[in-house]
Amino acid sequence: MRGERPPARHSAAGEPCLAPLRMSPLSEKSLLADARKGDLHAMRKKTRNSIFKRPEDVNQRDERHCTPLHYAAKNGHREMIR
């Protein structure tokens, strides 16, 4: 048909949060790492407010500009998304 575009095809290379990521030892302890691993307990602990330390930012982004919510959704961690 004239004027119609073919359906878009997505690949892991086109979606930055879907491609594999090498993590440094320092980033292994971040909220982003907990979302990637599905560690709900650690994620809740880091976002809890305390008089001794500030909670981590849930909107932080990694070098791919992905947030913990991106990784939790990508890996099917429904409890983290709530």
N, C-alpha and C. Protein backbone atom coordinates (compact mmCIF):
# COMPACT_ATOMS: atom_id res chain seq x y z
N MET A 1 0.83 -1.17 0.00
CA MET A 1 0.00 0.00 0.00
C MET A 1 0.88 1.24 0.00
N ARG A 2 0.45 2.19 -0.69
CA ARG A 2 1.22 3.42 -0.82
C ARG A 2 1.07 4.30 0.41
N GLY A 3 2.19 4.88 0.84
CA GLY A 3 2.16 5.81 1.95
C GLY A 3 2.19 5.17 3.33
N GLU A 4 2.05 3.85 3.40
CA GLU A 4 2.09 3.18 4.70
C GLU A 4 3.51 2.75 5.03
N ARG A 5 3.85 2.90 6.29
CA ARG A 5 5.19 2.48 6.74
C ARG A 5 5.12 1.05 7.27
N PRO A 6 6.20 0.30 7.10
CA PRO A 6 6.22 -1.04 7.69
C PRO A 6 6.27 -0.93 9.22
N PRO A 7 5.80 -1.95 9.92
CA PRO A 7 5.83 -1.89 11.39
C PRO A 7 7.25 -1.75 11.91
N ALA A 8 7.39 -1.00 12.98
CA ALA A 8 8.70 -0.77 13.58
C ALA A 8 9.19 -2.05 14.24
N ARG A 9 10.48 -2.32 14.08
CA ARG A 9 11.08 -3.49 14.71
C ARG A 9 12.05 -3.01 15.77
N HIS A 10 11.89 -3.51 16.98
CA HIS A 10 12.75 -3.11 18.08
C HIS A 10 13.77 -4.21 18.35
N SER A 11 14.94 -3.80 18.71
CA SER A 11 15.98 -4.75 19.09
C SER A 11 16.61 -4.29 20.39
N ALA A 12 17.37 -5.15 21.01
CA ALA A 12 18.05 -4.79 22.26
C ALA A 12 19.02 -3.64 22.03
N ALA A 13 19.59 -3.56 20.84
CA ALA A 13 20.53 -2.47 20.56
C ALA A 13 19.80 -1.13 20.51
N GLY A 14 18.53 -1.12 20.11
CA GLY A 14 17.77 0.11 20.03
C GLY A 14 17.14 0.51 21.35
N GLU A 15 17.02 -0.42 22.26
CA GLU A 15 16.44 -0.16 23.57
C GLU A 15 17.55 -0.22 24.60
N PRO A 16 18.01 0.92 25.11
CA PRO A 16 19.19 0.93 25.98
C PRO A 16 19.04 0.15 27.27
N CYS A 17 17.86 0.06 27.83
CA CYS A 17 17.70 -0.63 29.11
C CYS A 17 17.62 -2.15 28.94
N LEU A 18 17.50 -2.62 27.70
CA LEU A 18 17.39 -4.05 27.47
C LEU A 18 18.72 -4.72 27.17
N ALA A 19 19.71 -3.95 26.75
CA ALA A 19 21.01 -4.52 26.42
C ALA A 19 21.76 -4.88 27.69
N PRO A 20 22.65 -5.89 27.64
CA PRO A 20 23.42 -6.26 28.83
C PRO A 20 24.27 -5.10 29.33
N LEU A 21 24.52 -5.07 30.62
CA LEU A 21 25.27 -3.98 31.23
C LEU A 21 26.36 -4.55 32.12
N ARG A 22 27.57 -4.04 31.95
CA ARG A 22 28.66 -4.40 32.86
C ARG A 22 28.63 -3.43 34.02
N MET A 23 28.64 -3.97 35.23
CA MET A 23 28.52 -3.11 36.40
C MET A 23 29.84 -3.05 37.14
N SER A 24 30.18 -1.87 37.62
CA SER A 24 31.38 -1.69 38.42
C SER A 24 31.08 -2.12 39.86
N PRO A 25 32.10 -2.43 40.65
CA PRO A 25 31.85 -2.83 42.04
C PRO A 25 31.12 -1.77 42.86
N LEU A 26 31.35 -0.49 42.57
CA LEU A 26 30.65 0.57 43.31
C LEU A 26 29.17 0.61 42.98
N SER A 27 28.80 0.35 41.73
CA SER A 27 27.40 0.43 41.34
C SER A 27 26.61 -0.80 41.78
N GLU A 28 27.30 -1.86 42.24
CA GLU A 28 26.63 -3.07 42.71
C GLU A 28 25.81 -2.80 43.97
N LYS A 29 26.11 -1.72 44.69
CA LYS A 29 25.43 -1.43 45.95
C LYS A 29 24.35 -0.36 45.79
N SER A 30 24.00 -0.01 44.58
CA SER A 30 23.05 1.07 44.35
C SER A 30 21.62 0.54 44.24
N LEU A 31 20.70 1.46 44.25
CA LEU A 31 19.29 1.15 44.08
C LEU A 31 19.04 0.54 42.71
N LEU A 32 19.78 0.98 41.71
CA LEU A 32 19.65 0.43 40.36
C LEU A 32 20.03 -1.05 40.34
N ALA A 33 21.08 -1.41 41.06
CA ALA A 33 21.50 -2.82 41.11
C ALA A 33 20.44 -3.67 41.80
N ASP A 34 19.83 -3.14 42.86
CA ASP A 34 18.76 -3.88 43.55
C ASP A 34 17.57 -4.11 42.62
N ALA A 35 17.24 -3.12 41.81
CA ALA A 35 16.13 -3.27 40.87
C ALA A 35 16.46 -4.30 39.80
N ARG A 36 17.70 -4.30 39.34
CA ARG A 36 18.11 -5.30 38.33
C ARG A 36 18.03 -6.71 38.89
N LYS A 37 18.45 -6.88 40.16
CA LYS A 37 18.48 -8.21 40.79
C LYS A 37 17.12 -8.63 41.33
N GLY A 38 16.23 -7.67 41.56
CA GLY A 38 14.93 -8.00 42.13
C GLY A 38 14.95 -8.10 43.64
N ASP A 39 15.89 -7.42 44.28
CA ASP A 39 16.03 -7.46 45.74
C ASP A 39 15.13 -6.41 46.38
N LEU A 40 13.90 -6.79 46.63
CA LEU A 40 12.89 -5.86 47.16
C LEU A 40 13.25 -5.38 48.57
N HIS A 41 13.76 -6.27 49.42
CA HIS A 41 14.11 -5.90 50.79
C HIS A 41 15.19 -4.82 50.80
N ALA A 42 16.24 -5.00 50.03
CA ALA A 42 17.32 -4.01 49.97
C ALA A 42 16.83 -2.70 49.38
N MET A 43 15.95 -2.78 48.39
CA MET A 43 15.44 -1.57 47.77
C MET A 43 14.59 -0.76 48.76
N ARG A 44 13.74 -1.45 49.51
CA ARG A 44 12.93 -0.75 50.52
C ARG A 44 13.80 -0.13 51.61
N LYS A 45 14.84 -0.84 51.99
CA LYS A 45 15.74 -0.35 53.03
C LYS A 45 16.46 0.93 52.57
N LYS A 46 16.86 0.98 51.31
CA LYS A 46 17.57 2.14 50.80
C LYS A 46 16.66 3.34 50.55
N THR A 47 15.37 3.10 50.36
CA THR A 47 14.45 4.21 50.13
C THR A 47 13.76 4.68 51.41
N ARG A 48 13.99 3.97 52.52
CA ARG A 48 13.39 4.33 53.80
C ARG A 48 14.08 5.58 54.36
N ASN A 49 13.31 6.47 54.90
CA ASN A 49 13.84 7.69 55.48
C ASN A 49 14.38 7.40 56.88
N SER A 50 15.50 8.00 57.21
CA SER A 50 16.12 7.79 58.50
C SER A 50 16.72 9.11 58.98
N ILE A 51 16.85 9.26 60.30
CA ILE A 51 17.47 10.48 60.80
C ILE A 51 18.98 10.47 60.59
N PHE A 52 19.55 9.28 60.33
CA PHE A 52 20.99 9.17 60.17
C PHE A 52 21.46 9.32 58.72
N LYS A 53 20.61 9.01 57.77
CA LYS A 53 21.01 9.15 56.37
C LYS A 53 19.80 9.45 55.50
N ARG A 54 20.07 10.02 54.37
CA ARG A 54 19.00 10.35 53.43
C ARG A 54 18.67 9.13 52.57
N PRO A 55 17.43 8.98 52.19
CA PRO A 55 17.08 7.86 51.31
C PRO A 55 17.66 8.09 49.91
N GLU A 56 17.90 7.01 49.19
CA GLU A 56 18.40 7.13 47.82
C GLU A 56 17.29 7.64 46.92
N ASP A 57 17.68 8.32 45.87
CA ASP A 57 16.74 8.87 44.90
C ASP A 57 16.20 7.76 44.02
N VAL A 58 14.88 7.57 44.02
CA VAL A 58 14.27 6.52 43.20
C VAL A 58 14.26 6.90 41.71
N ASN A 59 14.53 8.14 41.39
CA ASN A 59 14.55 8.58 40.00
C ASN A 59 15.97 8.69 39.44
N GLN A 60 16.95 8.14 40.15
CA GLN A 60 18.32 8.19 39.65
C GLN A 60 18.42 7.41 38.34
N ARG A 61 19.34 7.82 37.50
CA ARG A 61 19.54 7.17 36.21
C ARG A 61 20.97 6.69 36.08
N ASP A 62 21.15 5.61 35.33
CA ASP A 62 22.49 5.11 35.10
C ASP A 62 23.05 5.70 33.80
N GLU A 63 24.17 5.16 33.33
CA GLU A 63 24.81 5.71 32.14
C GLU A 63 23.96 5.54 30.88
N ARG A 64 22.95 4.69 30.94
CA ARG A 64 22.02 4.50 29.80
C ARG A 64 20.76 5.35 29.95
N HIS A 65 20.67 6.12 31.01
CA HIS A 65 19.51 6.96 31.32
C HIS A 65 18.29 6.12 31.71
N CYS A 66 18.53 4.95 32.29
CA CYS A 66 17.45 4.08 32.76
C CYS A 66 17.30 4.21 34.27
N THR A 67 16.07 4.15 34.74
CA THR A 67 15.77 4.27 36.17
C THR A 67 15.55 2.87 36.77
N PRO A 68 15.50 2.77 38.11
CA PRO A 68 15.18 1.47 38.72
C PRO A 68 13.84 0.91 38.24
N LEU A 69 12.88 1.78 37.96
CA LEU A 69 11.58 1.32 37.45
C LEU A 69 11.72 0.63 36.10
N HIS A 70 12.60 1.14 35.23
CA HIS A 70 12.84 0.48 33.94
C HIS A 70 13.31 -0.96 34.15
N TYR A 71 14.29 -1.13 35.05
CA TYR A 71 14.86 -2.46 35.28
C TYR A 71 13.87 -3.39 35.97
N ALA A 72 13.11 -2.87 36.92
CA ALA A 72 12.13 -3.71 37.60
C ALA A 72 11.06 -4.19 36.62
N ALA A 73 10.61 -3.31 35.73
CA ALA A 73 9.61 -3.69 34.73
C ALA A 73 10.19 -4.67 33.72
N LYS A 74 11.40 -4.41 33.28
CA LYS A 74 12.06 -5.26 32.28
C LYS A 74 12.22 -6.68 32.80
N ASN A 75 12.55 -6.82 34.08
CA ASN A 75 12.81 -8.13 34.66
C ASN A 75 11.58 -8.76 35.32
N GLY A 76 10.43 -8.09 35.24
CA GLY A 76 9.18 -8.67 35.74
C GLY A 76 9.04 -8.67 37.25
N HIS A 77 9.66 -7.73 37.93
CA HIS A 77 9.57 -7.65 39.40
C HIS A 77 8.38 -6.79 39.78
N ARG A 78 7.21 -7.41 39.80
CA ARG A 78 5.96 -6.68 40.02
C ARG A 78 5.87 -5.99 41.38
N GLU A 79 6.39 -6.61 42.40
CA GLU A 79 6.33 -6.01 43.74
C GLU A 79 7.12 -4.70 43.81
N MET A 80 8.18 -4.61 43.05
CA MET A 80 8.98 -3.38 43.04
C MET A 80 8.26 -2.24 42.30
N ILE A 81 7.45 -2.60 41.36
CA ILE A 81 6.76 -1.59 40.55
C ILE A 81 5.64 -0.93 41.34
N ARG A 82 5.05 -1.65 42.27
CA ARG A 82 3.93 -1.11 43.05
C ARG A 82 4.33 0.05 43.86
